[in-house]
Amino acid sequence: MANNSGNPFADLSAQSQLPRPEPPRSSAAVPVEIYDQVYNLRGTDPAYIERLAQIVDGKMRAVSAGGGTVDSLRVAVLAALNIADELESLRQRYEQLAGSMSQSQRNLRSRAGSLAHMLDEVLTDSPAREQAREDVRKVG
């Protein structure tokens, strides 16, 4: 357990002065079946827990059907590797999209700046610019 200084071995007495966190919401056991085994899992969102269990069960069944193995531990490890591969692929895709979006934002800001500069040049010393200034004076 870390204190405010980040040192996990520092004196923990200072923590008694910190505000206490709210107690977690009630988490009832949710029975789920994964690869023909029933597990009672706890959490604050039973529907989410059930969805995760369905994903794991489906992945384990797909691995088992594809590999012909019956050892449930081996099936679980192979399913975990498949899930980790999917997660890593999604992380890489997210990083690509985030980089692309960041570049697009820079391009748009640059274009907006250029357009604003061009607009200022066009309006400088033009009859429209003088008319706009006069209109502002009348309103103000």
Protein backbone atom coordinates (compact mmCIF):
# COMPACT_ATOMS: atom_id res chain seq x y z
CA MET A 1 0.00 0.00 0.00
CA ALA A 2 1.56 3.31 -1.09
CA ASN A 3 1.29 6.57 0.81
CA ASN A 4 1.19 10.07 -0.65
CA SER A 5 4.95 10.13 -1.19
CA GLY A 6 4.77 7.06 -3.41
CA ASN A 7 6.99 5.06 -1.04
CA PRO A 8 5.22 1.81 -0.15
CA PHE A 9 7.44 1.33 2.92
CA ALA A 10 7.05 4.81 4.44
CA ASP A 11 5.23 5.36 7.73
CA LEU A 12 1.56 4.57 7.15
CA SER A 13 0.32 6.55 10.17
CA ALA A 14 -0.28 9.60 7.99
CA GLN A 15 -2.90 7.68 6.07
CA SER A 16 -5.22 7.68 9.06
CA GLN A 17 -5.62 11.44 8.49
CA LEU A 18 -6.77 10.96 4.89
CA PRO A 19 -10.50 10.86 4.16
CA ARG A 20 -11.82 7.33 4.09
CA PRO A 21 -12.97 6.07 0.70
CA GLU A 22 -16.61 5.20 0.27
CA PRO A 23 -17.34 1.53 0.87
CA PRO A 24 -17.82 -0.41 -2.35
CA ARG A 25 -21.32 -1.04 -3.53
CA SER A 26 -22.78 -4.36 -2.54
CA SER A 27 -21.44 -7.10 -4.74
CA ALA A 28 -23.54 -10.23 -4.69
CA ALA A 29 -22.16 -13.47 -6.03
CA VAL A 30 -23.09 -14.08 -9.65
CA PRO A 31 -23.03 -17.73 -10.69
CA VAL A 32 -21.58 -18.15 -14.17
CA GLU A 33 -20.65 -21.21 -16.18
CA ILE A 34 -17.34 -21.28 -17.99
CA TYR A 35 -16.29 -24.40 -19.86
CA ASP A 36 -18.77 -26.58 -17.93
CA GLN A 37 -17.62 -25.29 -14.54
CA VAL A 38 -19.73 -23.04 -12.31
CA TYR A 39 -17.97 -20.07 -10.71
CA ASN A 40 -19.50 -17.64 -8.21
CA LEU A 41 -18.01 -14.29 -9.11
CA ARG A 42 -18.49 -11.02 -7.27
CA GLY A 43 -18.84 -7.57 -8.74
CA THR A 44 -21.07 -4.52 -8.88
CA ASP A 45 -22.54 -5.26 -12.33
CA PRO A 46 -23.89 -8.81 -12.73
CA ALA A 47 -24.71 -8.32 -16.43
CA TYR A 48 -21.11 -7.30 -17.13
CA ILE A 49 -19.74 -10.29 -15.23
CA GLU A 50 -22.02 -12.60 -17.18
CA ARG A 51 -20.90 -11.04 -20.47
CA LEU A 52 -17.23 -11.52 -19.59
CA ALA A 53 -17.91 -15.13 -18.61
CA GLN A 54 -19.64 -15.70 -21.97
CA ILE A 55 -16.62 -14.33 -23.80
CA VAL A 56 -14.20 -16.56 -21.89
CA ASP A 57 -16.45 -19.61 -22.29
CA GLY A 58 -16.79 -18.99 -26.03
CA LYS A 59 -13.06 -18.52 -26.46
CA MET A 60 -12.29 -21.71 -24.51
CA ARG A 61 -14.78 -23.70 -26.57
CA ALA A 62 -13.33 -22.34 -29.81
CA VAL A 63 -9.79 -23.27 -28.71
CA SER A 64 -10.94 -26.73 -27.63
CA ALA A 65 -12.77 -27.35 -30.90
CA GLY A 66 -9.82 -26.18 -32.97
CA GLY A 67 -7.08 -28.00 -31.12
CA GLY A 68 -8.72 -31.19 -30.02
CA THR A 69 -7.28 -30.86 -26.50
CA VAL A 70 -9.33 -31.90 -23.49
CA ASP A 71 -7.04 -30.59 -20.73
CA SER A 72 -9.02 -27.67 -19.32
CA LEU A 73 -5.92 -25.90 -17.99
CA ARG A 74 -4.27 -26.02 -21.41
CA VAL A 75 -7.50 -24.81 -23.03
CA ALA A 76 -7.69 -21.93 -20.52
CA VAL A 77 -4.09 -20.88 -21.20
CA LEU A 78 -4.58 -21.00 -24.97
CA ALA A 79 -7.84 -19.03 -24.63
CA ALA A 80 -6.04 -16.46 -22.46
CA LEU A 81 -3.33 -16.12 -25.12
CA ASN A 82 -6.01 -15.57 -27.78
CA ILE A 83 -7.71 -12.92 -25.65
CA ALA A 84 -4.33 -11.25 -24.97
CA ASP A 85 -3.60 -11.23 -28.71
CA GLU A 86 -6.95 -9.57 -29.42
CA LEU A 87 -6.27 -7.00 -26.69
CA GLU A 88 -2.81 -6.19 -28.04
CA SER A 89 -4.15 -5.84 -31.59
CA LEU A 90 -6.84 -3.45 -30.34
CA ARG A 91 -4.27 -1.44 -28.37
CA GLN A 92 -2.09 -1.07 -31.46
CA ARG A 93 -5.10 -0.04 -33.56
CA TYR A 94 -6.10 2.49 -30.88
CA GLU A 95 -2.61 4.00 -30.90
CA GLN A 96 -2.69 4.27 -34.70
CA LEU A 97 -6.08 5.97 -34.62
CA ALA A 98 -5.06 8.31 -31.80
CA GLY A 99 -1.94 9.32 -33.74
CA SER A 100 -3.95 9.82 -36.91
CA MET A 101 -6.51 11.92 -35.06
CA SER A 102 -3.78 14.01 -33.47
CA GLN A 103 -2.23 14.67 -36.89
CA SER A 104 -5.64 15.58 -38.31
CA GLN A 105 -6.21 18.04 -35.48
CA ARG A 106 -2.83 19.67 -36.14
CA ASN A 107 -3.64 19.93 -39.86
CA LEU A 108 -7.05 21.46 -39.16
CA ARG A 109 -5.59 24.00 -36.73
CA SER A 110 -2.96 24.94 -39.29
CA ARG A 111 -5.54 25.35 -42.04
CA ALA A 112 -7.81 27.37 -39.76
CA GLY A 113 -4.89 29.66 -38.91
CA SER A 114 -4.03 30.07 -42.58
CA LEU A 115 -7.64 30.82 -43.48
CA ALA A 116 -7.95 33.34 -40.65
CA HIS A 117 -4.76 35.05 -41.82
CA MET A 118 -6.01 35.12 -45.43
CA LEU A 119 -9.35 36.52 -44.29
CA ASP A 120 -7.59 39.23 -42.30
CA GLU A 121 -5.55 40.16 -45.38
CA VAL A 122 -8.64 40.34 -47.56
CA LEU A 123 -10.55 42.43 -45.06
CA THR A 124 -7.66 44.82 -44.39
CA ASP A 125 -8.16 48.10 -46.23
CA SER A 126 -11.19 46.78 -48.05
CA PRO A 127 -14.56 48.50 -48.24
CA ALA A 128 -16.10 45.53 -46.41
CA ARG A 129 -13.64 45.97 -43.56
CA GLU A 130 -14.39 49.67 -43.30
CA GLN A 131 -18.13 48.95 -43.41
CA ALA A 132 -17.77 46.35 -40.65
CA ARG A 133 -15.88 48.84 -38.48
CA GLU A 134 -18.57 51.47 -39.07
CA ASP A 135 -21.32 48.99 -38.22
CA VAL A 136 -19.56 48.12 -34.96
CA ARG A 137 -19.29 51.79 -34.06
CA LYS A 138 -23.02 52.31 -34.69
CA VAL A 139 -23.99 49.32 -32.52
CA GLY A 140 -21.50 50.10 -29.74
